[in-house]
Structure formats: C-alpha cells, structure tokens
Amino acid sequence: MANSKDCSIPPVLQPSRSGTRLATFGAGCFWSVELVFQRRAGVLQTQVGYTGGRKGPTTYLEVCGGTTNHAEVVRLEYDPEAVTYSELLTIFWNKHNPTQGNRQGGDLGTQYRSAIFYHDDEQRDLAEASKTERQKRYDAPITTEIVPAGEFLPAEVYHQKYLEKGGQCAAKGCSDSISCYGY
C-alpha cells in the first residue's frame, strides 16, 4: 500500500489532447472504481476525487464524515475512437450494485452512492437509456443519480492510483480480481 500519506491536492484532470472526452462516475469506494477504468483500453487518464456536494475545497476525512454530501468518484479522460461512452457505462454498471442506495457492500454513507455525472447532453441521454435497460435486471429500483457534472475536487495525492501503488495490476486488459481492503 502507499507508504506516504501525501495530502497535497493534484491539479484537476483535463483532456490532454484534441478529441478526447471526460466522464465521471461514482460507484462506491473510488479506489476500485478507478482501477477497473484504468484497465480499459481507450481510457487515457484517471483521477479520483469528490463531486456532487457543497462547493469548495474538502478532504477525504470531511467527505467520509458525511458533512459535505460529496460522492467519491473517478473522473477519466477517454478516447471515444477507442472506447465509447456506452462501453464505459457498461463497465460502470458491472462494477457495482446500483440498487444499494448510499452504500456499496460494507461501505456506508452518501459518499458511496451510485452516480453518473454527465458532461453533455449526449452523455445524459446515453446514461438515462442505459439505466432504463439495466433496471430490467433488478427487482429492486436502481438508485443511481444521473446529474450534471459540477465542480470536481481531486482527492489527496495518496488516494490517486491507490490500488496500483499497492501492487494491483493496472495494465490494459488485466482481469485479475480487485481487492480493496485485503479481501
């Protein structure tokens, strides 16, 4: 695992070249969500952070304390010629249980809610359609929020690529199991 807790805040991830796009997803603990997207060909960069709550700088401890209403999210830059937004949505839906409300497994709190933060009308429409289609697989209602992407606040440096720094494979196409808390 990361040996040093670098609490500095990195700059906000921005598109690195013309033609790439951003996507933002919340699906529980951001460490494993980031790793699953890192492994996808066409995803160029990832960054974990917070969004969806009150504006302003915040810290991991404040978000986990429930005072900000931010969600833990991964923001990613992708090449739409290599991976479509619809394919990213499939990864998102397959990564978590979207019927659990403000939790994923043993992680409880609004920061773990299921959410798609869209960056344009096309993403919104695709997200809504995918949610409707995905609902057919569940008896319980999907609780996933689909809302405009607002201010994105990067998490502290020690959270960035946390599982990769801890030794888990982030190579494109890797299908090794993802472990967050030693299980």
Protein backbone atom coordinates (compact mmCIF):
# COMPACT_ATOMS: atom_id res chain seq x y z
CA MET A 1 0.00 0.00 0.00
CA ALA A 2 1.00 3.61 -0.24
CA ASN A 3 3.65 4.26 2.41
CA SER A 4 3.38 8.02 2.44
CA LYS A 5 0.22 9.99 3.01
CA ASP A 6 0.81 12.86 0.63
CA CYS A 7 -2.14 15.09 1.46
CA SER A 8 -1.37 17.61 -1.28
CA ILE A 9 -4.04 18.06 -3.93
CA PRO A 10 -3.15 17.41 -7.58
CA PRO A 11 -4.41 19.66 -10.39
CA VAL A 12 -7.81 18.78 -11.86
CA LEU A 13 -7.57 16.26 -14.69
CA GLN A 14 -8.26 17.90 -18.06
CA PRO A 15 -8.29 16.49 -21.59
CA SER A 16 -4.70 16.02 -22.74
CA ARG A 17 -5.34 16.22 -26.45
CA SER A 18 -7.93 17.21 -29.01
CA GLY A 19 -10.82 14.79 -29.48
CA THR A 20 -10.69 13.18 -26.05
CA ARG A 21 -13.58 13.46 -23.61
CA LEU A 22 -14.23 13.34 -19.88
CA ALA A 23 -16.54 11.02 -17.94
CA THR A 24 -17.28 10.96 -14.19
CA PHE A 25 -18.71 8.02 -12.24
CA GLY A 26 -19.43 7.22 -8.59
CA ALA A 27 -19.86 3.53 -7.72
CA GLY A 28 -18.65 3.07 -4.15
CA CYS A 29 -15.06 3.29 -2.95
CA PHE A 30 -13.19 5.21 -5.61
CA TRP A 31 -10.05 3.07 -5.38
CA SER A 32 -11.56 0.02 -7.08
CA VAL A 33 -13.66 2.08 -9.48
CA GLU A 34 -10.51 3.84 -10.66
CA LEU A 35 -8.65 0.57 -11.15
CA VAL A 36 -11.38 -1.02 -13.26
CA PHE A 37 -11.34 2.00 -15.58
CA GLN A 38 -7.52 2.17 -15.65
CA ARG A 39 -7.55 -1.33 -17.11
CA ARG A 40 -9.76 -0.39 -20.08
CA ALA A 41 -8.12 0.34 -23.40
CA GLY A 42 -9.09 3.80 -24.57
CA VAL A 43 -9.08 5.26 -21.06
CA LEU A 44 -6.12 7.61 -21.13
CA GLN A 45 -6.06 9.02 -17.59
CA THR A 46 -7.97 8.60 -14.35
CA GLN A 47 -8.26 10.75 -11.24
CA VAL A 48 -10.21 10.11 -8.05
CA GLY A 49 -11.99 12.90 -6.25
CA TYR A 50 -15.23 14.30 -4.95
CA THR A 51 -18.27 15.93 -6.52
CA GLY A 52 -21.99 16.34 -6.09
CA GLY A 53 -21.96 18.07 -2.70
CA ARG A 54 -21.37 21.52 -1.37
CA LYS A 55 -18.81 23.58 -3.27
CA GLY A 56 -15.35 24.32 -2.02
CA PRO A 57 -12.18 22.51 -1.07
CA THR A 58 -12.66 19.42 1.06
CA THR A 59 -10.73 16.49 2.43
CA TYR A 60 -11.24 12.75 2.50
CA LEU A 61 -11.99 12.91 6.23
CA GLU A 62 -14.68 15.56 5.72
CA VAL A 63 -16.29 13.58 2.89
CA CYS A 64 -16.24 10.37 4.96
CA GLY A 65 -17.62 12.32 7.91
CA GLY A 66 -20.80 12.95 5.92
CA THR A 67 -20.70 16.74 6.19
CA THR A 68 -20.13 17.57 2.51
CA ASN A 69 -22.63 15.35 0.65
CA HIS A 70 -19.93 14.73 -1.97
CA ALA A 71 -19.67 11.37 -3.70
CA GLU A 72 -16.37 9.55 -4.12
CA VAL A 73 -15.89 9.49 -7.90
CA VAL A 74 -13.46 8.72 -10.66
CA ARG A 75 -13.02 11.24 -13.43
CA LEU A 76 -11.49 9.87 -16.57
CA GLU A 77 -10.25 11.04 -19.91
CA TYR A 78 -11.04 8.69 -22.75
CA ASP A 79 -10.57 8.45 -26.49
CA PRO A 80 -14.06 7.95 -27.99
CA GLU A 81 -12.50 6.31 -31.05
CA ALA A 82 -11.06 3.57 -28.82
CA VAL A 83 -13.84 3.19 -26.23
CA THR A 84 -17.37 4.56 -26.42
CA TYR A 85 -19.26 6.21 -23.60
CA SER A 86 -21.76 3.33 -23.82
CA GLU A 87 -18.90 0.89 -23.17
CA LEU A 88 -17.83 2.96 -20.17
CA LEU A 89 -21.40 2.83 -18.88
CA THR A 90 -21.32 -0.97 -19.13
CA ILE A 91 -18.15 -1.03 -17.02
CA PHE A 92 -19.82 1.29 -14.51
CA TRP A 93 -22.97 -0.87 -14.21
CA ASN A 94 -20.96 -4.10 -13.97
CA LYS A 95 -18.68 -2.70 -11.26
CA HIS A 96 -21.29 -2.25 -8.51
CA ASN A 97 -24.82 -2.88 -7.28
CA PRO A 98 -26.80 0.22 -8.28
CA THR A 99 -29.76 -0.70 -6.05
CA GLN A 100 -27.99 -0.25 -2.71
CA GLY A 101 -28.58 3.47 -2.21
CA ASN A 102 -25.95 5.17 -0.08
CA ARG A 103 -23.69 2.17 0.22
CA GLN A 104 -21.68 -0.46 -1.57
CA GLY A 105 -21.17 -3.65 0.38
CA GLY A 106 -19.86 -2.73 3.83
CA ASP A 107 -19.15 0.88 2.87
CA LEU A 108 -21.97 3.09 4.17
CA GLY A 109 -22.64 6.77 3.54
CA THR A 110 -23.72 9.21 0.88
CA GLN A 111 -20.14 9.33 -0.45
CA TYR A 112 -20.59 5.74 -1.71
CA ARG A 113 -23.76 6.40 -3.70
CA SER A 114 -24.15 5.32 -7.29
CA ALA A 115 -24.00 8.31 -9.63
CA ILE A 116 -23.29 9.28 -13.20
CA PHE A 117 -22.14 12.87 -13.59
CA TYR A 118 -22.65 13.69 -17.27
CA HIS A 119 -20.60 16.27 -19.16
CA ASP A 120 -23.01 16.92 -22.05
CA ASP A 121 -26.49 16.09 -23.35
CA GLU A 122 -25.29 13.05 -25.28
CA GLN A 123 -23.82 11.51 -22.11
CA ARG A 124 -27.03 12.29 -20.21
CA ASP A 125 -29.19 10.62 -22.86
CA LEU A 126 -26.96 7.54 -23.04
CA ALA A 127 -26.86 7.30 -19.24
CA GLU A 128 -30.66 7.52 -18.95
CA ALA A 129 -31.16 4.90 -21.66
CA SER A 130 -28.62 2.56 -20.06
CA LYS A 131 -30.27 2.96 -16.65
CA THR A 132 -33.65 2.06 -18.11
CA GLU A 133 -32.16 -1.00 -19.82
CA ARG A 134 -30.17 -2.05 -16.72
CA GLN A 135 -33.29 -1.78 -14.49
CA LYS A 136 -34.68 -4.84 -16.31
CA ARG A 137 -32.04 -6.94 -14.50
CA TYR A 138 -33.14 -5.97 -10.98
CA ASP A 139 -36.28 -6.40 -8.90
CA ALA A 140 -35.28 -3.52 -6.62
CA PRO A 141 -35.20 0.00 -8.06
CA ILE A 142 -31.89 1.38 -9.26
CA THR A 143 -30.92 4.36 -7.09
CA THR A 144 -28.25 5.74 -9.42
CA GLU A 145 -28.32 9.51 -9.76
CA ILE A 146 -27.82 10.94 -13.24
CA VAL A 147 -26.86 14.58 -12.78
CA PRO A 148 -24.75 17.24 -14.49
CA ALA A 149 -21.06 17.18 -13.74
CA GLY A 150 -20.33 20.07 -11.42
CA GLU A 151 -17.19 21.16 -9.66
CA PHE A 152 -14.73 18.29 -9.41
CA LEU A 153 -12.39 18.28 -6.42
CA PRO A 154 -9.38 15.95 -6.77
CA ALA A 155 -8.69 13.71 -3.79
CA GLU A 156 -5.37 13.90 -1.99
CA VAL A 157 -2.33 12.53 -3.87
CA TYR A 158 -2.12 9.39 -1.72
CA HIS A 159 -5.56 8.31 -2.99
CA GLN A 160 -4.59 8.61 -6.68
CA LYS A 161 -3.99 5.19 -8.26
CA TYR A 162 -4.01 3.81 -4.72
CA LEU A 163 -4.53 0.16 -5.60
CA GLU A 164 -1.97 0.28 -8.40
CA LYS A 165 0.57 1.77 -5.98
CA GLY A 166 -0.34 -1.07 -3.63
CA GLY A 167 0.71 -3.64 -6.22
CA GLN A 168 -2.50 -4.45 -8.08
CA CYS A 169 -2.30 -4.73 -11.85
CA ALA A 170 -3.50 -1.67 -13.77
CA ALA A 171 -2.38 -2.92 -17.20
CA LYS A 172 -4.83 -2.52 -20.05
CA GLY A 173 -6.89 -5.68 -20.37
CA CYS A 174 -5.93 -7.09 -16.97
CA SER A 175 -8.72 -9.19 -15.45
CA ASP A 176 -7.17 -10.01 -12.06
CA SER A 177 -9.55 -9.70 -9.13
CA ILE A 178 -9.64 -6.29 -7.48
CA SER A 179 -9.16 -6.21 -3.71
CA CYS A 180 -9.75 -3.07 -1.66
CA TYR A 181 -9.34 -3.95 1.97
CA GLY A 182 -7.33 -7.14 1.80
CA TYR A 183 -10.31 -9.26 0.73
